[in-house]
N, C-alpha and C. Protein backbone atom coordinates (compact mmCIF):
# COMPACT_ATOMS: atom_id res chain seq x y z
N MET A 1 147.74 30.56 174.87
CA MET A 1 147.06 31.17 173.74
C MET A 1 147.26 30.28 172.51
N ALA A 2 146.20 30.11 171.74
CA ALA A 2 146.24 29.27 170.55
C ALA A 2 147.09 29.91 169.46
N GLU A 3 147.71 29.06 168.69
CA GLU A 3 148.55 29.52 167.58
C GLU A 3 147.67 30.07 166.46
N TRP A 4 148.20 31.04 165.72
CA TRP A 4 147.47 31.66 164.62
C TRP A 4 147.91 31.01 163.31
N LEU A 5 146.96 30.50 162.56
CA LEU A 5 147.23 29.92 161.25
C LEU A 5 147.24 31.07 160.24
N THR A 6 148.33 31.22 159.51
CA THR A 6 148.48 32.43 158.69
C THR A 6 148.12 32.27 157.22
N GLU A 7 148.24 31.04 156.68
CA GLU A 7 147.92 30.90 155.26
C GLU A 7 147.54 29.47 154.93
N TYR A 8 146.84 29.35 153.82
CA TYR A 8 146.41 28.05 153.34
C TYR A 8 147.58 27.34 152.69
N GLY A 9 147.79 26.08 153.07
CA GLY A 9 148.91 25.31 152.54
C GLY A 9 148.49 24.04 151.84
N GLY A 10 147.29 24.01 151.27
CA GLY A 10 146.84 22.84 150.54
C GLY A 10 146.19 21.76 151.39
N GLN A 11 145.90 22.05 152.65
CA GLN A 11 145.29 21.07 153.53
C GLN A 11 143.84 20.78 153.11
N SER A 12 143.37 19.61 153.51
CA SER A 12 141.95 19.29 153.33
C SER A 12 141.15 19.99 154.43
N VAL A 13 139.85 20.02 154.26
CA VAL A 13 138.98 20.59 155.30
C VAL A 13 139.19 19.84 156.61
N GLY A 14 139.25 18.52 156.53
CA GLY A 14 139.46 17.71 157.74
C GLY A 14 140.75 18.05 158.45
N GLU A 15 141.82 18.22 157.69
CA GLU A 15 143.11 18.57 158.29
C GLU A 15 143.04 19.94 158.96
N LEU A 16 142.36 20.88 158.33
CA LEU A 16 142.22 22.21 158.94
C LEU A 16 141.38 22.14 160.20
N LEU A 17 140.29 21.41 160.15
CA LEU A 17 139.42 21.30 161.33
C LEU A 17 140.13 20.60 162.48
N ASN A 18 141.03 19.69 162.19
CA ASN A 18 141.80 19.01 163.25
C ASN A 18 142.73 19.96 164.00
N LEU A 19 142.97 21.14 163.44
CA LEU A 19 143.83 22.13 164.10
C LEU A 19 143.10 22.91 165.19
N ARG A 20 141.81 22.66 165.37
CA ARG A 20 141.02 23.41 166.35
C ARG A 20 141.56 23.30 167.77
N THR A 21 142.25 22.21 168.08
CA THR A 21 142.77 22.04 169.43
C THR A 21 144.05 22.84 169.68
N THR A 22 144.72 23.25 168.60
CA THR A 22 146.00 23.95 168.76
C THR A 22 146.02 25.35 168.16
N HIS A 23 145.08 25.65 167.29
CA HIS A 23 145.09 26.94 166.57
C HIS A 23 143.81 27.73 166.84
N ASP A 24 143.92 29.02 166.70
CA ASP A 24 142.79 29.93 166.88
C ASP A 24 141.71 29.64 165.84
N GLU A 25 140.48 29.53 166.28
CA GLU A 25 139.37 29.20 165.39
C GLU A 25 139.16 30.26 164.31
N GLU A 26 139.31 31.51 164.67
CA GLU A 26 139.14 32.57 163.67
C GLU A 26 140.17 32.41 162.56
N SER A 27 141.41 32.08 162.93
CA SER A 27 142.46 31.92 161.91
C SER A 27 142.18 30.72 161.02
N ILE A 28 141.64 29.65 161.57
CA ILE A 28 141.29 28.47 160.77
C ILE A 28 140.18 28.84 159.79
N ALA A 29 139.16 29.54 160.29
CA ALA A 29 138.06 29.96 159.42
C ALA A 29 138.56 30.86 158.30
N ASN A 30 139.47 31.78 158.62
CA ASN A 30 140.03 32.67 157.60
C ASN A 30 140.78 31.89 156.53
N VAL A 31 141.50 30.85 156.93
CA VAL A 31 142.24 30.03 155.95
C VAL A 31 141.26 29.24 155.08
N ILE A 32 140.19 28.74 155.67
CA ILE A 32 139.17 28.05 154.86
C ILE A 32 138.57 29.04 153.86
N TYR A 33 138.30 30.25 154.29
CA TYR A 33 137.79 31.31 153.41
C TYR A 33 138.79 31.56 152.27
N GLU A 34 140.05 31.69 152.61
CA GLU A 34 141.09 31.91 151.60
C GLU A 34 141.08 30.80 150.55
N ALA A 35 141.00 29.55 151.01
CA ALA A 35 141.01 28.41 150.11
C ALA A 35 139.75 28.38 149.24
N LEU A 36 138.59 28.64 149.85
CA LEU A 36 137.34 28.67 149.08
C LEU A 36 137.37 29.79 148.04
N ASP A 37 137.90 30.94 148.45
CA ASP A 37 137.98 32.07 147.53
C ASP A 37 138.85 31.72 146.33
N ARG A 38 139.97 31.06 146.59
CA ARG A 38 140.86 30.62 145.51
C ARG A 38 140.12 29.64 144.60
N LYS A 39 139.39 28.71 145.22
CA LYS A 39 138.67 27.68 144.46
C LYS A 39 137.64 28.31 143.53
N VAL A 40 136.82 29.22 144.04
CA VAL A 40 135.78 29.80 143.18
C VAL A 40 136.38 30.71 142.11
N TYR A 41 137.46 31.39 142.47
CA TYR A 41 138.14 32.25 141.49
C TYR A 41 138.71 31.42 140.35
N GLU A 42 139.43 30.35 140.70
CA GLU A 42 140.05 29.50 139.68
C GLU A 42 139.01 28.80 138.81
N ALA A 43 137.85 28.48 139.40
CA ALA A 43 136.79 27.82 138.64
C ALA A 43 135.94 28.82 137.86
N GLY A 44 136.13 30.11 138.13
CA GLY A 44 135.35 31.14 137.45
C GLY A 44 133.87 31.07 137.77
N ARG A 45 133.57 30.79 139.02
CA ARG A 45 132.17 30.66 139.43
C ARG A 45 131.93 31.40 140.74
N ASP A 46 130.69 31.44 141.14
CA ASP A 46 130.31 32.03 142.41
C ASP A 46 130.35 30.97 143.50
N TYR A 47 130.26 31.43 144.74
CA TYR A 47 130.12 30.51 145.86
C TYR A 47 128.77 29.80 145.77
N THR A 48 128.73 28.54 146.18
CA THR A 48 127.43 27.89 146.37
C THR A 48 126.81 28.51 147.63
N THR A 49 125.54 28.29 147.84
CA THR A 49 124.89 28.84 149.04
C THR A 49 125.55 28.32 150.31
N ILE A 50 125.90 27.04 150.32
CA ILE A 50 126.57 26.46 151.50
C ILE A 50 127.95 27.09 151.68
N GLU A 51 128.73 27.17 150.60
CA GLU A 51 130.07 27.76 150.68
C GLU A 51 130.01 29.22 151.12
N ALA A 52 128.99 29.94 150.65
CA ALA A 52 128.87 31.38 150.96
C ALA A 52 128.73 31.64 152.46
N THR A 53 128.34 30.64 153.21
CA THR A 53 128.23 30.80 154.66
C THR A 53 129.56 31.22 155.26
N VAL A 54 130.66 30.67 154.76
CA VAL A 54 131.98 30.96 155.33
C VAL A 54 132.35 32.44 155.15
N PRO A 55 132.43 32.95 153.92
CA PRO A 55 132.81 34.36 153.79
C PRO A 55 131.79 35.31 154.40
N THR A 56 130.52 34.94 154.35
CA THR A 56 129.48 35.82 154.90
C THR A 56 129.69 36.02 156.39
N VAL A 57 129.85 34.94 157.13
CA VAL A 57 130.01 35.04 158.58
C VAL A 57 131.31 35.77 158.93
N ILE A 58 132.38 35.47 158.21
CA ILE A 58 133.67 36.11 158.49
C ILE A 58 133.62 37.60 158.18
N GLU A 59 133.11 37.95 157.01
CA GLU A 59 133.02 39.38 156.64
C GLU A 59 132.10 40.13 157.58
N LEU A 60 130.96 39.53 157.93
CA LEU A 60 130.03 40.17 158.85
C LEU A 60 130.69 40.43 160.19
N ASP A 61 131.30 39.41 160.76
CA ASP A 61 131.94 39.55 162.07
C ASP A 61 133.04 40.61 162.02
N ARG A 62 133.88 40.53 161.03
CA ARG A 62 135.00 41.47 160.90
C ARG A 62 134.52 42.92 160.76
N GLU A 63 133.57 43.13 159.87
CA GLU A 63 133.12 44.49 159.60
C GLU A 63 132.30 45.07 160.76
N VAL A 64 131.42 44.26 161.33
CA VAL A 64 130.61 44.76 162.44
C VAL A 64 131.50 45.10 163.63
N LYS A 65 132.49 44.26 163.91
CA LYS A 65 133.41 44.55 165.02
C LYS A 65 134.24 45.80 164.77
N ASN A 66 134.56 46.08 163.51
CA ASN A 66 135.42 47.22 163.20
C ASN A 66 134.69 48.51 162.90
N GLY A 67 133.40 48.44 162.62
CA GLY A 67 132.70 49.68 162.31
C GLY A 67 131.20 49.55 162.27
N GLY A 68 130.70 48.41 162.69
CA GLY A 68 129.26 48.22 162.78
C GLY A 68 128.64 47.72 161.49
N PHE A 69 127.34 47.48 161.57
CA PHE A 69 126.60 47.02 160.40
C PHE A 69 126.69 48.02 159.27
N SER A 70 126.78 49.30 159.59
CA SER A 70 126.89 50.31 158.53
C SER A 70 128.16 50.09 157.72
N GLN A 71 129.24 49.73 158.37
CA GLN A 71 130.49 49.46 157.65
C GLN A 71 130.34 48.21 156.78
N PHE A 72 129.71 47.19 157.31
CA PHE A 72 129.47 45.97 156.52
C PHE A 72 128.69 46.32 155.25
N LEU A 73 127.67 47.15 155.39
CA LEU A 73 126.82 47.48 154.25
C LEU A 73 127.46 48.46 153.27
N ARG A 74 128.40 49.25 153.73
CA ARG A 74 129.04 50.24 152.86
C ARG A 74 130.28 49.69 152.15
N ASN A 75 130.87 48.65 152.68
CA ASN A 75 132.10 48.11 152.11
C ASN A 75 131.82 46.98 151.13
N TYR A 76 132.88 46.49 150.52
CA TYR A 76 132.79 45.40 149.55
C TYR A 76 132.13 44.16 150.15
N SER A 77 132.19 44.03 151.47
CA SER A 77 131.57 42.90 152.16
C SER A 77 130.07 42.84 151.92
N SER A 78 129.47 43.95 151.52
CA SER A 78 128.03 43.98 151.30
C SER A 78 127.58 43.01 150.21
N ARG A 79 128.54 42.53 149.41
CA ARG A 79 128.18 41.55 148.38
C ARG A 79 127.59 40.29 149.00
N PHE A 80 127.81 40.09 150.31
CA PHE A 80 127.27 38.94 151.01
C PHE A 80 126.00 39.27 151.80
N SER A 81 125.48 40.47 151.66
CA SER A 81 124.34 40.89 152.49
C SER A 81 123.11 40.00 152.32
N ASP A 82 122.89 39.49 151.12
CA ASP A 82 121.73 38.62 150.90
C ASP A 82 121.86 37.28 151.62
N TYR A 83 123.05 36.93 152.03
CA TYR A 83 123.30 35.64 152.68
C TYR A 83 123.34 35.73 154.21
N VAL A 84 123.35 36.92 154.77
CA VAL A 84 123.62 37.09 156.20
C VAL A 84 122.66 36.31 157.09
N VAL A 85 121.38 36.56 156.97
CA VAL A 85 120.41 35.93 157.87
C VAL A 85 120.44 34.41 157.70
N GLY A 86 120.46 33.94 156.47
CA GLY A 86 120.51 32.50 156.22
C GLY A 86 121.78 31.85 156.72
N SER A 87 122.90 32.55 156.58
CA SER A 87 124.18 32.00 157.04
C SER A 87 124.20 31.87 158.56
N LEU A 88 123.68 32.87 159.24
CA LEU A 88 123.63 32.79 160.71
C LEU A 88 122.67 31.69 161.16
N ALA A 89 121.61 31.46 160.39
CA ALA A 89 120.72 30.33 160.68
C ALA A 89 121.45 29.02 160.42
N ASN A 90 122.21 28.95 159.33
CA ASN A 90 122.97 27.75 158.99
C ASN A 90 123.89 27.32 160.12
N ILE A 91 124.54 28.29 160.75
CA ILE A 91 125.52 27.96 161.79
C ILE A 91 124.89 27.90 163.18
N ASP A 92 123.57 28.03 163.22
CA ASP A 92 122.81 27.90 164.47
C ASP A 92 123.21 28.94 165.51
N CYS A 93 123.17 30.20 165.08
CA CYS A 93 123.40 31.33 165.99
C CYS A 93 122.15 32.21 165.97
N PRO A 94 121.10 31.77 166.67
CA PRO A 94 119.81 32.46 166.57
C PRO A 94 119.81 33.90 167.08
N LYS A 95 120.61 34.21 168.09
CA LYS A 95 120.64 35.58 168.59
C LYS A 95 121.28 36.51 167.56
N SER A 96 122.37 36.07 166.97
CA SER A 96 123.02 36.87 165.93
C SER A 96 122.12 36.98 164.70
N GLU A 97 121.45 35.89 164.38
CA GLU A 97 120.51 35.89 163.26
C GLU A 97 119.41 36.92 163.49
N MET A 98 118.87 36.96 164.70
CA MET A 98 117.80 37.91 165.02
C MET A 98 118.32 39.35 164.95
N ALA A 99 119.52 39.58 165.44
CA ALA A 99 120.10 40.93 165.37
C ALA A 99 120.26 41.37 163.91
N ALA A 100 120.77 40.48 163.08
CA ALA A 100 120.96 40.81 161.66
C ALA A 100 119.62 41.01 160.96
N LYS A 101 118.68 40.16 161.26
CA LYS A 101 117.34 40.30 160.66
C LYS A 101 116.74 41.65 161.02
N SER A 102 116.94 42.07 162.27
CA SER A 102 116.43 43.36 162.72
C SER A 102 117.07 44.51 161.95
N VAL A 103 118.34 44.37 161.62
CA VAL A 103 119.03 45.40 160.83
C VAL A 103 118.36 45.55 159.48
N PHE A 104 118.17 44.45 158.80
CA PHE A 104 117.60 44.52 157.45
C PHE A 104 116.15 45.00 157.47
N GLU A 105 115.44 44.69 158.53
CA GLU A 105 114.06 45.19 158.67
C GLU A 105 114.04 46.68 158.97
N ALA A 106 115.07 47.19 159.64
CA ALA A 106 115.12 48.61 160.01
C ALA A 106 115.59 49.51 158.87
N LEU A 107 116.22 48.92 157.87
CA LEU A 107 116.75 49.74 156.77
C LEU A 107 115.62 50.30 155.91
N PRO A 108 115.63 51.61 155.70
CA PRO A 108 114.65 52.17 154.77
C PRO A 108 115.03 51.77 153.34
N ALA A 109 114.07 51.81 152.45
CA ALA A 109 114.31 51.41 151.06
C ALA A 109 115.44 52.22 150.42
N ASP A 110 115.58 53.46 150.84
CA ASP A 110 116.60 54.34 150.24
C ASP A 110 117.86 54.45 151.11
N TRP A 111 118.17 53.40 151.87
CA TRP A 111 119.28 53.48 152.82
C TRP A 111 120.60 53.84 152.16
N LYS A 112 120.78 53.48 150.90
CA LYS A 112 122.05 53.78 150.23
C LYS A 112 122.26 55.27 150.02
N SER A 113 121.17 56.04 150.10
CA SER A 113 121.30 57.49 149.94
C SER A 113 121.57 58.20 151.27
N LEU A 114 121.54 57.47 152.37
CA LEU A 114 121.81 58.07 153.68
C LEU A 114 123.28 58.44 153.80
N GLU A 115 123.53 59.51 154.51
CA GLU A 115 124.91 59.88 154.83
C GLU A 115 125.47 58.82 155.79
N ARG A 116 126.78 58.69 155.79
CA ARG A 116 127.44 57.69 156.63
C ARG A 116 127.00 57.80 158.09
N VAL A 117 127.00 59.00 158.63
CA VAL A 117 126.64 59.21 160.04
C VAL A 117 125.18 58.85 160.29
N GLU A 118 124.32 59.16 159.35
CA GLU A 118 122.90 58.81 159.51
C GLU A 118 122.72 57.29 159.58
N LEU A 119 123.42 56.59 158.70
CA LEU A 119 123.33 55.13 158.70
C LEU A 119 123.91 54.55 159.98
N GLU A 120 125.04 55.09 160.42
CA GLU A 120 125.64 54.63 161.68
C GLU A 120 124.68 54.85 162.85
N ASP A 121 124.07 56.02 162.91
CA ASP A 121 123.13 56.31 164.00
C ASP A 121 121.92 55.38 163.97
N LEU A 122 121.44 55.09 162.77
CA LEU A 122 120.29 54.20 162.61
C LEU A 122 120.61 52.78 163.08
N LEU A 123 121.82 52.32 162.76
CA LEU A 123 122.16 50.92 163.01
C LEU A 123 122.93 50.66 164.31
N ASP A 124 123.36 51.71 164.98
CA ASP A 124 124.13 51.53 166.22
C ASP A 124 123.44 50.63 167.25
N PRO A 125 122.13 50.77 167.49
CA PRO A 125 121.50 49.88 168.47
C PRO A 125 121.61 48.40 168.08
N TYR A 126 121.63 48.13 166.80
CA TYR A 126 121.73 46.75 166.32
C TYR A 126 123.16 46.23 166.46
N ASP A 127 124.12 47.15 166.31
CA ASP A 127 125.51 46.77 166.56
C ASP A 127 125.64 46.27 168.00
N GLN A 128 125.07 47.04 168.91
CA GLN A 128 125.15 46.68 170.33
C GLN A 128 124.45 45.36 170.60
N LEU A 129 123.31 45.16 169.96
CA LEU A 129 122.57 43.90 170.11
C LEU A 129 123.42 42.73 169.61
N PHE A 130 124.10 42.92 168.48
CA PHE A 130 124.96 41.89 167.90
C PHE A 130 126.11 41.56 168.85
N PHE A 131 126.73 42.60 169.42
CA PHE A 131 127.86 42.39 170.33
C PHE A 131 127.45 41.64 171.60
N GLN A 132 126.20 41.80 172.00
CA GLN A 132 125.73 41.21 173.25
C GLN A 132 125.19 39.79 173.12
N THR A 133 125.23 39.22 171.93
CA THR A 133 124.64 37.88 171.76
C THR A 133 125.38 36.80 172.53
N GLY A 134 126.68 36.97 172.70
CA GLY A 134 127.48 35.97 173.39
C GLY A 134 127.72 34.71 172.57
N GLU A 135 127.34 34.74 171.30
CA GLU A 135 127.54 33.56 170.46
C GLU A 135 128.94 33.58 169.84
N ASN A 136 129.59 32.42 169.84
CA ASN A 136 130.92 32.30 169.25
C ASN A 136 130.73 31.92 167.78
N LEU A 137 130.78 32.91 166.91
CA LEU A 137 130.51 32.67 165.50
C LEU A 137 131.53 31.75 164.85
N TYR A 138 132.78 31.85 165.26
CA TYR A 138 133.82 31.02 164.64
C TYR A 138 133.69 29.56 165.05
N ASP A 139 133.39 29.29 166.29
CA ASP A 139 133.15 27.93 166.73
C ASP A 139 131.95 27.35 165.99
N ALA A 140 130.89 28.13 165.90
CA ALA A 140 129.68 27.67 165.20
C ALA A 140 129.94 27.47 163.71
N LEU A 141 130.71 28.37 163.11
CA LEU A 141 131.02 28.26 161.69
C LEU A 141 131.84 27.00 161.41
N LEU A 142 132.86 26.75 162.22
CA LEU A 142 133.68 25.56 162.01
C LEU A 142 132.89 24.28 162.26
N SER A 143 131.96 24.31 163.20
CA SER A 143 131.09 23.15 163.43
C SER A 143 130.20 22.92 162.21
N PHE A 144 129.71 24.01 161.62
CA PHE A 144 128.90 23.91 160.40
C PHE A 144 129.72 23.30 159.26
N VAL A 145 130.94 23.78 159.08
CA VAL A 145 131.81 23.25 158.03
C VAL A 145 132.06 21.76 158.29
N ASP A 146 132.30 21.40 159.54
CA ASP A 146 132.55 20.01 159.90
C ASP A 146 131.35 19.13 159.53
N LYS A 147 130.15 19.59 159.85
CA LYS A 147 128.94 18.82 159.55
C LYS A 147 128.67 18.72 158.05
N ASN A 148 129.21 19.65 157.28
CA ASN A 148 128.95 19.73 155.84
C ASN A 148 130.23 19.54 155.02
N ARG A 149 131.16 18.75 155.53
CA ARG A 149 132.46 18.57 154.89
C ARG A 149 132.37 18.26 153.40
N LYS A 150 131.39 17.46 153.02
CA LYS A 150 131.29 17.04 151.62
C LYS A 150 131.04 18.23 150.69
N ASN A 151 130.58 19.33 151.23
CA ASN A 151 130.31 20.52 150.44
C ASN A 151 131.50 21.50 150.43
N PHE A 152 132.59 21.11 151.05
CA PHE A 152 133.75 22.01 151.19
C PHE A 152 135.04 21.36 150.72
N SER A 153 135.11 20.99 149.46
CA SER A 153 136.38 20.51 148.93
C SER A 153 137.26 21.72 148.66
N LEU A 154 138.52 21.59 149.00
CA LEU A 154 139.44 22.71 148.85
C LEU A 154 140.51 22.37 147.81
N PRO A 155 141.05 23.39 147.14
CA PRO A 155 142.10 23.13 146.15
C PRO A 155 143.38 22.66 146.83
N LYS A 156 144.19 21.96 146.10
CA LYS A 156 145.48 21.48 146.64
C LYS A 156 146.56 22.51 146.41
């Protein structure tokens, strides 16, 4: 079993990506997210569109696995909802992209007024579709970061 990377220690993106052979990909992605989050916070700015791919994919995966698309949309993670479809396209996960696109197309304009159970019932089929894609989002995300290294400078 791969080792779990627990926190960011000032590594470069390249150094973190080199850990893919020994460490869990999800943990590496989470550490990159932690570092990016620190960077944007310290700079007092928002994520760039490219940078936003990292937290979007991680938050989406985490929330959908723990409570479905309804949980993603109801929690603080929803701040990344505008980036979901594009981020999944960025990392070349077309099945997950299609599942997410279907979710947003299925949402009624007044979805925020739906009761929790109503939203869960509406989106449950899309949760199942997302789970069945077979795409490894973390592998794809780290490959995307690798291809776009110049856009991912991390704080020391």
